[in-house]
């Protein structure tokens, strides 16, 4: 069965708290799983969330600060311990190769799984599959950081009333879809474009062009909102976003579902305020202030 959902494994920035683990997010996209920014403790959070190593096809690291990458070592070793039967690709900033090497071989273990290293050195496509294209775009943080954007190719939606009007039914529908024309009737005459879904993952960054490129037209945008607006000076100093800035990005980009996460430890129970500030910036779509172990479905096609 086709499943598209975000499994939130952790929502803390910099340090974990009693109620928030370090970062970690698994995007289930049909038959694949993309694990983003596994911080310390990700293995245990996977267990609590019902996520197995077999669910992981890609590991996508935005940057090499510890709260976004210290879990890489444990996850890679777990993938090998469980003898995951498929190759796993790892995407991360090429400038941090030495950090990835240290994490990959932090301790001794038996390698049983093909781990494909696919470092990111510039904006552009980092992977293509039959179901999606994965893009990376540079962000603005004290260390090199990239956000990720998953784009499903556009498809076609057949229109039954137009098929009937042209007398096309049964196997002829498949022939028309395959060949693009049947007896003078074109695919455009009896169908319409079904826009592919879009997902973006934006972590530690100031406002920059990359943030807006990643967010544009997304069905779901997972974005850091480390600070509330009143702490905007701290956000700018440390290379982060506020809740209001995240809301403004989502509003400008026409996002359908905004997921706020990566919260500073200074805020213990401010979910309502994070949402209020995102909405005050103009965003009127669906908002989720993420909590650990939540499952958030990607919006159904409109």
C-alpha atoms as a PDB file:
ATOM      1  CA  UNK A   1       0.000   0.000   0.000  1.00  0.00           C
ATOM      2  CA  UNK A   2       1.244   3.473  -0.850  1.00  0.00           C
ATOM      3  CA  UNK A   3       2.181   5.430   2.298  1.00  0.00           C
ATOM      4  CA  UNK A   4       3.505   8.969   2.394  1.00  0.00           C
ATOM      5  CA  UNK A   5       4.133  10.274   5.873  1.00  0.00           C
ATOM      6  CA  UNK A   6       6.714  11.960   8.062  1.00  0.00           C
ATOM      7  CA  UNK A   7       7.781  10.071  11.196  1.00  0.00           C
ATOM      8  CA  UNK A   8       9.237  12.557  13.683  1.00  0.00           C
ATOM      9  CA  UNK A   9      12.033  10.952  15.700  1.00  0.00           C
ATOM     10  CA  UNK A  10      13.301  14.100  17.420  1.00  0.00           C
ATOM     11  CA  UNK A  11      12.652  17.850  17.518  1.00  0.00           C
ATOM     12  CA  UNK A  12      15.369  19.377  19.722  1.00  0.00           C
ATOM     13  CA  UNK A  13      18.048  21.801  18.600  1.00  0.00           C
ATOM     14  CA  UNK A  14      21.610  21.594  19.935  1.00  0.00           C
ATOM     15  CA  UNK A  15      20.830  19.516  23.054  1.00  0.00           C
ATOM     16  CA  UNK A  16      18.082  17.014  23.868  1.00  0.00           C
ATOM     17  CA  UNK A  17      15.588  17.788  26.626  1.00  0.00           C
ATOM     18  CA  UNK A  18      13.355  15.651  28.798  1.00  0.00           C
ATOM     19  CA  UNK A  19      10.657  15.741  26.143  1.00  0.00           C
ATOM     20  CA  UNK A  20      12.643  16.215  22.930  1.00  0.00           C
ATOM     21  CA  UNK A  21      15.274  13.965  21.424  1.00  0.00           C
ATOM     22  CA  UNK A  22      17.926  15.237  19.057  1.00  0.00           C
ATOM     23  CA  UNK A  23      16.807  15.628  15.436  1.00  0.00           C
ATOM     24  CA  UNK A  24      15.683  12.728  13.290  1.00  0.00           C
ATOM     25  CA  UNK A  25      12.969  12.427  10.635  1.00  0.00           C
ATOM     26  CA  UNK A  26      11.967   9.519   8.433  1.00  0.00           C
ATOM     27  CA  UNK A  27       9.990  10.307   5.301  1.00  0.00           C
ATOM     28  CA  UNK A  28       8.054   7.274   4.107  1.00  0.00           C
ATOM     29  CA  UNK A  29       7.480   7.737   0.387  1.00  0.00           C
ATOM     30  CA  UNK A  30       5.606   4.788  -1.049  1.00  0.00           C
ATOM     31  CA  UNK A  31       8.064   1.894  -0.782  1.00  0.00           C
ATOM     32  CA  UNK A  32      11.101   3.962   0.242  1.00  0.00           C
ATOM     33  CA  UNK A  33      12.335   5.634   3.403  1.00  0.00           C
ATOM     34  CA  UNK A  34      14.517   8.736   3.581  1.00  0.00           C
ATOM     35  CA  UNK A  35      16.148   9.369   6.962  1.00  0.00           C
ATOM     36  CA  UNK A  36      17.011  13.027   7.512  1.00  0.00           C
ATOM     37  CA  UNK A  37      19.550  14.370  10.032  1.00  0.00           C
ATOM     38  CA  UNK A  38      19.846  11.466  12.487  1.00  0.00           C
ATOM     39  CA  UNK A  39      21.076  12.961  15.746  1.00  0.00           C
ATOM     40  CA  UNK A  40      22.196  11.183  18.876  1.00  0.00           C
ATOM     41  CA  UNK A  41      19.617   8.685  20.126  1.00  0.00           C
ATOM     42  CA  UNK A  42      18.030   8.069  16.724  1.00  0.00           C
ATOM     43  CA  UNK A  43      18.267   4.271  17.036  1.00  0.00           C
ATOM     44  CA  UNK A  44      16.192   4.247  20.203  1.00  0.00           C
ATOM     45  CA  UNK A  45      13.671   6.698  18.772  1.00  0.00           C
ATOM     46  CA  UNK A  46      13.306   4.425  15.742  1.00  0.00           C
ATOM     47  CA  UNK A  47      12.433   1.562  18.071  1.00  0.00           C
ATOM     48  CA  UNK A  48       9.861   3.676  19.906  1.00  0.00           C
ATOM     49  CA  UNK A  49       8.332   4.881  16.625  1.00  0.00           C
ATOM     50  CA  UNK A  50       8.141   1.444  15.011  1.00  0.00           C
ATOM     51  CA  UNK A  51      10.784   2.226  12.391  1.00  0.00           C
ATOM     52  CA  UNK A  52      13.266  -0.492  11.431  1.00  0.00           C
ATOM     53  CA  UNK A  53      16.633  -0.303   9.712  1.00  0.00           C
ATOM     54  CA  UNK A  54      15.005  -2.074   6.745  1.00  0.00           C
ATOM     55  CA  UNK A  55      12.843   1.034   6.226  1.00  0.00           C
ATOM     56  CA  UNK A  56      15.861   3.176   5.318  1.00  0.00           C
ATOM     57  CA  UNK A  57      16.908   3.604   1.683  1.00  0.00           C
ATOM     58  CA  UNK A  58      18.637   6.983   1.988  1.00  0.00           C
ATOM     59  CA  UNK A  59      20.352   8.958   4.729  1.00  0.00           C
ATOM     60  CA  UNK A  60      20.313  12.716   4.060  1.00  0.00           C
ATOM     61  CA  UNK A  61      22.479  14.906   6.287  1.00  0.00           C
ATOM     62  CA  UNK A  62      22.098  18.682   5.970  1.00  0.00           C
ATOM     63  CA  UNK A  63      25.322  19.548   7.816  1.00  0.00           C
ATOM     64  CA  UNK A  64      27.820  18.221  10.314  1.00  0.00           C
ATOM     65  CA  UNK A  65      26.762  19.738  13.602  1.00  0.00           C
ATOM     66  CA  UNK A  66      26.309  17.012  16.196  1.00  0.00           C
ATOM     67  CA  UNK A  67      22.579  17.366  16.726  1.00  0.00           C
ATOM     68  CA  UNK A  68      22.097  16.557  13.020  1.00  0.00           C
ATOM     69  CA  UNK A  69      24.677  13.829  12.526  1.00  0.00           C
ATOM     70  CA  UNK A  70      25.927  12.073  15.682  1.00  0.00           C
ATOM     71  CA  UNK A  71      23.353   9.329  15.130  1.00  0.00           C
ATOM     72  CA  UNK A  72      24.825   8.448  11.736  1.00  0.00           C
ATOM     73  CA  UNK A  73      27.341   6.030  13.282  1.00  0.00           C
ATOM     74  CA  UNK A  74      24.718   4.022  15.138  1.00  0.00           C
ATOM     75  CA  UNK A  75      22.278   3.976  12.236  1.00  0.00           C
ATOM     76  CA  UNK A  76      24.915   2.717   9.781  1.00  0.00           C
ATOM     77  CA  UNK A  77      26.015  -0.004  12.176  1.00  0.00           C
ATOM     78  CA  UNK A  78      22.379  -1.011  12.774  1.00  0.00           C
ATOM     79  CA  UNK A  79      21.757  -1.222   9.020  1.00  0.00           C
ATOM     80  CA  UNK A  80      24.685  -3.640   8.788  1.00  0.00           C
ATOM     81  CA  UNK A  81      23.791  -5.591  11.937  1.00  0.00           C
ATOM     82  CA  UNK A  82      20.273  -6.176  10.592  1.00  0.00           C
ATOM     83  CA  UNK A  83      21.688  -7.064   7.146  1.00  0.00           C
ATOM     84  CA  UNK A  84      19.351  -4.746   5.264  1.00  0.00           C
ATOM     85  CA  UNK A  85      18.864  -6.444   1.856  1.00  0.00           C
ATOM     86  CA  UNK A  86      19.048  -3.321  -0.318  1.00  0.00           C
ATOM     87  CA  UNK A  87      21.768  -0.714  -0.919  1.00  0.00           C
ATOM     88  CA  UNK A  88      21.558   2.476   1.160  1.00  0.00           C
ATOM     89  CA  UNK A  89      22.662   5.855  -0.218  1.00  0.00           C
ATOM     90  CA  UNK A  90      24.116   8.594   1.972  1.00  0.00           C
ATOM     91  CA  UNK A  91      23.942  12.269   0.965  1.00  0.00           C
ATOM     92  CA  UNK A  92      25.876  14.925   2.897  1.00  0.00           C
ATOM     93  CA  UNK A  93      27.970  18.056   2.248  1.00  0.00           C
ATOM     94  CA  UNK A  94      31.143  17.082   0.426  1.00  0.00           C
ATOM     95  CA  UNK A  95      33.142  19.526   2.550  1.00  0.00           C
ATOM     96  CA  UNK A  96      32.373  17.334   5.575  1.00  0.00           C
ATOM     97  CA  UNK A  97      33.764  14.116   4.092  1.00  0.00           C
ATOM     98  CA  UNK A  98      36.224  13.734   6.984  1.00  0.00           C
ATOM     99  CA  UNK A  99      33.330  13.874   9.461  1.00  0.00           C
ATOM    100  CA  UNK A 100      31.332  11.306   7.528  1.00  0.00           C
ATOM    101  CA  UNK A 101      34.350   9.005   7.374  1.00  0.00           C
ATOM    102  CA  UNK A 102      34.780   9.227  11.139  1.00  0.00           C
ATOM    103  CA  UNK A 103      31.114   8.527  11.754  1.00  0.00           C
ATOM    104  CA  UNK A 104      30.979   5.635   9.296  1.00  0.00           C
ATOM    105  CA  UNK A 105      33.975   3.957  10.911  1.00  0.00           C
ATOM    106  CA  UNK A 106      33.605   5.221  14.476  1.00  0.00           C
ATOM    107  CA  UNK A 107      34.029   1.669  15.876  1.00  0.00           C
ATOM    108  CA  UNK A 108      34.629  -1.841  14.609  1.00  0.00           C
ATOM    109  CA  UNK A 109      31.725  -3.704  12.975  1.00  0.00           C
ATOM    110  CA  UNK A 110      31.095  -6.132  10.138  1.00  0.00           C
ATOM    111  CA  UNK A 111      29.995  -4.473   6.900  1.00  0.00           C
ATOM    112  CA  UNK A 112      27.219  -6.482   5.260  1.00  0.00           C
ATOM    113  CA  UNK A 113      25.330  -3.783   3.322  1.00  0.00           C
ATOM    114  CA  UNK A 114      26.331  -1.690   0.308  1.00  0.00           C
ATOM    115  CA  UNK A 115      26.465   1.924   1.506  1.00  0.00           C
ATOM    116  CA  UNK A 116      26.762   4.325  -1.425  1.00  0.00           C
ATOM    117  CA  UNK A 117      28.403   7.629  -0.540  1.00  0.00           C
ATOM    118  CA  UNK A 118      26.901  10.453  -2.619  1.00  0.00           C
ATOM    119  CA  UNK A 119      28.387  13.715  -1.288  1.00  0.00           C
ATOM    120  CA  UNK A 120      26.757  17.010  -2.275  1.00  0.00           C
ATOM    121  CA  UNK A 121      29.045  19.738  -3.610  1.00  0.00           C
ATOM    122  CA  UNK A 122      26.625  22.108  -5.386  1.00  0.00           C
ATOM    123  CA  UNK A 123      22.960  22.895  -5.947  1.00  0.00           C
ATOM    124  CA  UNK A 124      21.146  20.435  -8.168  1.00  0.00           C
ATOM    125  CA  UNK A 125      19.842  16.901  -8.520  1.00  0.00           C
ATOM    126  CA  UNK A 126      21.466  14.341  -6.230  1.00  0.00           C
ATOM    127  CA  UNK A 127      19.295  11.300  -7.052  1.00  0.00           C
ATOM    128  CA  UNK A 128      16.698  10.156  -9.580  1.00  0.00           C
ATOM    129  CA  UNK A 129      14.347   7.223  -9.141  1.00  0.00           C
ATOM    130  CA  UNK A 130      11.204   6.122 -10.924  1.00  0.00           C
ATOM    131  CA  UNK A 131       9.106   7.766  -8.233  1.00  0.00           C
ATOM    132  CA  UNK A 132      10.913  11.032  -7.479  1.00  0.00           C
ATOM    133  CA  UNK A 133      13.878  13.322  -8.050  1.00  0.00           C
ATOM    134  CA  UNK A 134      15.873  14.466  -5.016  1.00  0.00           C
ATOM    135  CA  UNK A 135      17.381  17.952  -5.179  1.00  0.00           C
ATOM    136  CA  UNK A 136      19.790  19.734  -2.824  1.00  0.00           C
ATOM    137  CA  UNK A 137      20.187  23.498  -2.340  1.00  0.00           C
ATOM    138  CA  UNK A 138      22.783  25.418  -0.334  1.00  0.00           C
ATOM    139  CA  UNK A 139      21.623  27.125   2.850  1.00  0.00           C
ATOM    140  CA  UNK A 140      23.214  29.816   5.063  1.00  0.00           C
ATOM    141  CA  UNK A 141      24.743  28.481   8.291  1.00  0.00           C
ATOM    142  CA  UNK A 142      28.151  28.809   9.989  1.00  0.00           C
ATOM    143  CA  UNK A 143      29.124  25.452   8.438  1.00  0.00           C
ATOM    144  CA  UNK A 144      28.215  24.297   4.931  1.00  0.00           C
ATOM    145  CA  UNK A 145      24.614  23.144   4.904  1.00  0.00           C
ATOM    146  CA  UNK A 146      22.192  21.863   2.274  1.00  0.00           C
ATOM    147  CA  UNK A 147      18.435  21.432   2.292  1.00  0.00           C
ATOM    148  CA  UNK A 148      16.664  18.705   0.352  1.00  0.00           C
ATOM    149  CA  UNK A 149      13.636  18.750  -1.935  1.00  0.00           C
ATOM    150  CA  UNK A 150      11.813  15.683  -3.252  1.00  0.00           C
ATOM    151  CA  UNK A 151       9.769  16.138  -6.437  1.00  0.00           C
ATOM    152  CA  UNK A 152       7.423  13.546  -7.871  1.00  0.00           C
ATOM    153  CA  UNK A 153       7.079  13.675 -11.680  1.00  0.00           C
ATOM    154  CA  UNK A 154       3.792  14.960 -13.055  1.00  0.00           C
ATOM    155  CA  UNK A 155       1.350  12.328 -14.257  1.00  0.00           C
ATOM    156  CA  UNK A 156      -1.981  12.226 -16.100  1.00  0.00           C
ATOM    157  CA  UNK A 157      -5.470  11.904 -14.695  1.00  0.00           C
ATOM    158  CA  UNK A 158      -7.912  10.268 -17.098  1.00  0.00           C
ATOM    159  CA  UNK A 159     -11.341  11.961 -17.284  1.00  0.00           C
ATOM    160  CA  UNK A 160     -14.112   9.322 -17.520  1.00  0.00           C
ATOM    161  CA  UNK A 161     -16.700  11.685 -18.993  1.00  0.00           C
ATOM    162  CA  UNK A 162     -14.378  12.673 -21.843  1.00  0.00           C
ATOM    163  CA  UNK A 163     -13.373   9.077 -22.488  1.00  0.00           C
ATOM    164  CA  UNK A 164     -17.056   8.178 -22.717  1.00  0.00           C
ATOM    165  CA  UNK A 165     -17.759  11.086 -25.069  1.00  0.00           C
ATOM    166  CA  UNK A 166     -15.140   9.730 -27.470  1.00  0.00           C
ATOM    167  CA  UNK A 167     -16.307   6.143 -27.044  1.00  0.00           C
ATOM    168  CA  UNK A 168     -13.011   4.991 -25.550  1.00  0.00           C
ATOM    169  CA  UNK A 169     -13.192   2.205 -22.971  1.00  0.00           C
ATOM    170  CA  UNK A 170     -11.601  -1.052 -21.865  1.00  0.00           C
ATOM    171  CA  UNK A 171      -8.176  -1.925 -23.326  1.00  0.00           C
ATOM    172  CA  UNK A 172      -8.335   1.127 -25.603  1.00  0.00           C
ATOM    173  CA  UNK A 173      -7.744   3.360 -22.573  1.00  0.00           C
ATOM    174  CA  UNK A 174      -4.415   1.636 -21.961  1.00  0.00           C
ATOM    175  CA  UNK A 175      -3.478   1.902 -25.633  1.00  0.00           C
ATOM    176  CA  UNK A 176      -4.198   5.628 -25.601  1.00  0.00           C
ATOM    177  CA  UNK A 177      -2.120   6.112 -22.455  1.00  0.00           C
ATOM    178  CA  UNK A 178       0.754   4.152 -23.984  1.00  0.00           C
ATOM    179  CA  UNK A 179       0.720   5.642 -27.493  1.00  0.00           C
ATOM    180  CA  UNK A 180      -0.615   9.154 -26.752  1.00  0.00           C
ATOM    181  CA  UNK A 181      -3.149   8.953 -29.612  1.00  0.00           C
ATOM    182  CA  UNK A 182      -5.930   6.624 -30.688  1.00  0.00           C
ATOM    183  CA  UNK A 183      -8.160   7.082 -33.733  1.00  0.00           C
ATOM    184  CA  UNK A 184      -7.507  10.821 -33.854  1.00  0.00           C
ATOM    185  CA  UNK A 185      -8.108  11.304 -30.121  1.00  0.00           C
ATOM    186  CA  UNK A 186      -5.069  12.549 -28.196  1.00  0.00           C
ATOM    187  CA  UNK A 187      -4.233  12.050 -24.554  1.00  0.00           C
ATOM    188  CA  UNK A 188      -4.777  15.775 -23.979  1.00  0.00           C
ATOM    189  CA  UNK A 189      -8.362  15.415 -25.243  1.00  0.00           C
ATOM    190  CA  UNK A 190      -9.357  12.974 -22.477  1.00  0.00           C
ATOM    191  CA  UNK A 191      -7.042  13.702 -19.539  1.00  0.00           C
ATOM    192  CA  UNK A 192      -5.436  16.449 -17.500  1.00  0.00           C
ATOM    193  CA  UNK A 193      -2.060  16.891 -15.836  1.00  0.00           C
ATOM    194  CA  UNK A 194      -1.847  15.455 -12.335  1.00  0.00           C
ATOM    195  CA  UNK A 195       0.775  17.532 -10.572  1.00  0.00           C
ATOM    196  CA  UNK A 196       3.440  15.540  -8.768  1.00  0.00           C
ATOM    197  CA  UNK A 197       3.758  16.037  -5.030  1.00  0.00           C
ATOM    198  CA  UNK A 198       6.615  17.980  -3.481  1.00  0.00           C
ATOM    199  CA  UNK A 199       8.337  17.714  -0.090  1.00  0.00           C
ATOM    200  CA  UNK A 200      11.141  19.850   1.331  1.00  0.00           C
ATOM    201  CA  UNK A 201      13.406  19.553   4.356  1.00  0.00           C
ATOM    202  CA  UNK A 202      15.042  22.798   5.518  1.00  0.00           C
ATOM    203  CA  UNK A 203      17.232  22.794   8.598  1.00  0.00           C
ATOM    204  CA  UNK A 204      19.745  25.141  10.180  1.00  0.00           C
ATOM    205  CA  UNK A 205      19.844  28.305   8.084  1.00  0.00           C
ATOM    206  CA  UNK A 206      19.253  32.004   7.946  1.00  0.00           C
ATOM    207  CA  UNK A 207      16.859  33.334   5.336  1.00  0.00           C
ATOM    208  CA  UNK A 208      18.483  32.904   1.917  1.00  0.00           C
ATOM    209  CA  UNK A 209      17.568  32.103  -1.682  1.00  0.00           C
ATOM    210  CA  UNK A 210      17.948  28.378  -1.060  1.00  0.00           C
ATOM    211  CA  UNK A 211      15.199  28.388   1.562  1.00  0.00           C
ATOM    212  CA  UNK A 212      12.687  29.830  -0.899  1.00  0.00           C
ATOM    213  CA  UNK A 213      13.766  27.557  -3.763  1.00  0.00           C
ATOM    214  CA  UNK A 214      13.296  24.499  -1.571  1.00  0.00           C
ATOM    215  CA  UNK A 215       9.899  25.597  -0.234  1.00  0.00           C
ATOM    216  CA  UNK A 216       8.296  26.650  -3.523  1.00  0.00           C
ATOM    217  CA  UNK A 217       5.015  24.840  -4.169  1.00  0.00           C
ATOM    218  CA  UNK A 218       5.534  22.154  -1.529  1.00  0.00           C
ATOM    219  CA  UNK A 219       2.761  19.913  -0.292  1.00  0.00           C
ATOM    220  CA  UNK A 220       4.772  19.543   2.920  1.00  0.00           C
ATOM    221  CA  UNK A 221       7.593  21.760   4.195  1.00  0.00           C
ATOM    222  CA  UNK A 222       9.558  20.587   7.238  1.00  0.00           C
ATOM    223  CA  UNK A 223      11.490  23.615   8.439  1.00  0.00           C
ATOM    224  CA  UNK A 224      13.441  24.690  11.460  1.00  0.00           C
ATOM    225  CA  UNK A 225      11.987  27.386  13.682  1.00  0.00           C
ATOM    226  CA  UNK A 226      14.596  27.355  16.412  1.00  0.00           C
ATOM    227  CA  UNK A 227      13.536  30.697  17.893  1.00  0.00           C
ATOM    228  CA  UNK A 228      10.429  32.767  18.426  1.00  0.00           C
ATOM    229  CA  UNK A 229      10.354  36.146  16.698  1.00  0.00           C
ATOM    230  CA  UNK A 230      11.340  38.109  19.803  1.00  0.00           C
ATOM    231  CA  UNK A 231      14.685  36.278  19.727  1.00  0.00           C
ATOM    232  CA  UNK A 232      15.340  37.142  16.098  1.00  0.00           C
ATOM    233  CA  UNK A 233      18.740  38.657  16.890  1.00  0.00           C
ATOM    234  CA  UNK A 234      19.930  35.314  18.294  1.00  0.00           C
ATOM    235  CA  UNK A 235      18.534  33.528  15.255  1.00  0.00           C
ATOM    236  CA  UNK A 236      20.501  35.726  12.868  1.00  0.00           C
ATOM    237  CA  UNK A 237      23.712  35.437  14.917  1.00  0.00           C
ATOM    238  CA  UNK A 238      23.622  31.648  15.008  1.00  0.00           C
ATOM    239  CA  UNK A 239      22.264  31.005  11.515  1.00  0.00           C
ATOM    240  CA  UNK A 240      18.689  30.024  12.312  1.00  0.00           C
ATOM    241  CA  UNK A 241      15.084  30.938  11.539  1.00  0.00           C
ATOM    242  CA  UNK A 242      12.254  32.167  13.710  1.00  0.00           C
ATOM    243  CA  UNK A 243       8.683  30.890  13.658  1.00  0.00           C
ATOM    244  CA  UNK A 244       7.538  34.037  11.862  1.00  0.00           C
ATOM    245  CA  UNK A 245      10.226  33.707   9.214  1.00  0.00           C
ATOM    246  CA  UNK A 246       9.275  30.076   8.627  1.00  0.00           C
ATOM    247  CA  UNK A 247       5.626  31.079   8.271  1.00  0.00           C
ATOM    248  CA  UNK A 248       6.513  33.823   5.803  1.00  0.00           C
ATOM    249  CA  UNK A 249       8.562  31.370   3.704  1.00  0.00           C
ATOM    250  CA  UNK A 250       5.626  28.945   3.619  1.00  0.00           C
ATOM    251  CA  UNK A 251       3.193  31.734   2.709  1.00  0.00           C
ATOM    252  CA  UNK A 252       5.381  33.040  -0.104  1.00  0.00           C
ATOM    253  CA  UNK A 253       5.989  29.530  -1.442  1.00  0.00           C
ATOM    254  CA  UNK A 254       2.351  28.421  -1.469  1.00  0.00           C
ATOM    255  CA  UNK A 255       3.044  25.540   0.921  1.00  0.00           C
ATOM    256  CA  UNK A 256       0.068  23.349   1.857  1.00  0.00           C
ATOM    257  CA  UNK A 257       1.303  21.838   5.164  1.00  0.00           C
ATOM    258  CA  UNK A 258       3.944  23.562   7.289  1.00  0.00           C
ATOM    259  CA  UNK A 259       5.796  21.460   9.888  1.00  0.00           C
ATOM    260  CA  UNK A 260       7.780  23.499  12.425  1.00  0.00           C
ATOM    261  CA  UNK A 261      10.573  21.776  14.365  1.00  0.00           C
ATOM    262  CA  UNK A 262      14.135  22.072  15.806  1.00  0.00           C
ATOM    263  CA  UNK A 263      13.187  24.073  18.899  1.00  0.00           C
ATOM    264  CA  UNK A 264      15.607  25.780  21.267  1.00  0.00           C
ATOM    265  CA  UNK A 265      15.746  24.373  24.802  1.00  0.00           C
ATOM    266  CA  UNK A 266      14.762  27.822  26.094  1.00  0.00           C
ATOM    267  CA  UNK A 267      11.138  27.102  25.140  1.00  0.00           C
ATOM    268  CA  UNK A 268       9.502  24.368  27.210  1.00  0.00           C
ATOM    269  CA  UNK A 269       5.823  24.670  26.233  1.00  0.00           C
ATOM    270  CA  UNK A 270       5.396  27.230  23.476  1.00  0.00           C
ATOM    271  CA  UNK A 271       3.721  25.235  20.704  1.00  0.00           C
ATOM    272  CA  UNK A 272       0.752  27.592  20.510  1.00  0.00           C
ATOM    273  CA  UNK A 273       3.045  30.611  20.209  1.00  0.00           C
ATOM    274  CA  UNK A 274       5.122  29.035  17.427  1.00  0.00           C
ATOM    275  CA  UNK A 275       1.944  28.433  15.443  1.00  0.00           C
ATOM    276  CA  UNK A 276       0.553  31.885  16.223  1.00  0.00           C
ATOM    277  CA  UNK A 277       3.703  33.609  14.951  1.00  0.00           C
ATOM    278  CA  UNK A 278       3.804  31.473  11.788  1.00  0.00           C
ATOM    279  CA  UNK A 279       0.191  32.417  11.050  1.00  0.00           C
ATOM    280  CA  UNK A 280       0.778  36.080  11.884  1.00  0.00           C
ATOM    281  CA  UNK A 281       3.341  36.078   9.059  1.00  0.00           C
ATOM    282  CA  UNK A 282       0.545  35.289   6.614  1.00  0.00           C
ATOM    283  CA  UNK A 283       0.482  31.501   6.370  1.00  0.00           C
ATOM    284  CA  UNK A 284      -3.068  30.147   6.346  1.00  0.00           C
ATOM    285  CA  UNK A 285      -2.467  26.500   5.404  1.00  0.00           C
ATOM    286  CA  UNK A 286      -2.151  23.553   7.765  1.00  0.00           C
ATOM    287  CA  UNK A 287       0.424  23.973  10.551  1.00  0.00           C
ATOM    288  CA  UNK A 288       1.944  21.275  12.751  1.00  0.00           C
ATOM    289  CA  UNK A 289       4.273  22.141  15.605  1.00  0.00           C
ATOM    290  CA  UNK A 290       6.101  18.825  15.662  1.00  0.00           C
ATOM    291  CA  UNK A 291       6.509  16.584  18.671  1.00  0.00           C
ATOM    292  CA  UNK A 292       8.673  13.511  19.040  1.00  0.00           C
ATOM    293  CA  UNK A 293       7.177  10.267  17.702  1.00  0.00           C
ATOM    294  CA  UNK A 294       4.354  11.939  15.809  1.00  0.00           C
ATOM    295  CA  UNK A 295       3.376  10.612  12.390  1.00  0.00           C
ATOM    296  CA  UNK A 296       2.302  13.364  10.016  1.00  0.00           C
ATOM    297  CA  UNK A 297       0.718  12.332   6.708  1.00  0.00           C
ATOM    298  CA  UNK A 298       1.713  14.131   3.524  1.00  0.00           C
ATOM    299  CA  UNK A 299      -1.430  15.940   2.327  1.00  0.00           C
ATOM    300  CA  UNK A 300      -3.519  14.064  -0.201  1.00  0.00           C
ATOM    301  CA  UNK A 301      -3.585  15.451  -3.693  1.00  0.00           C
ATOM    302  CA  UNK A 302      -5.822  18.489  -4.010  1.00  0.00           C
END
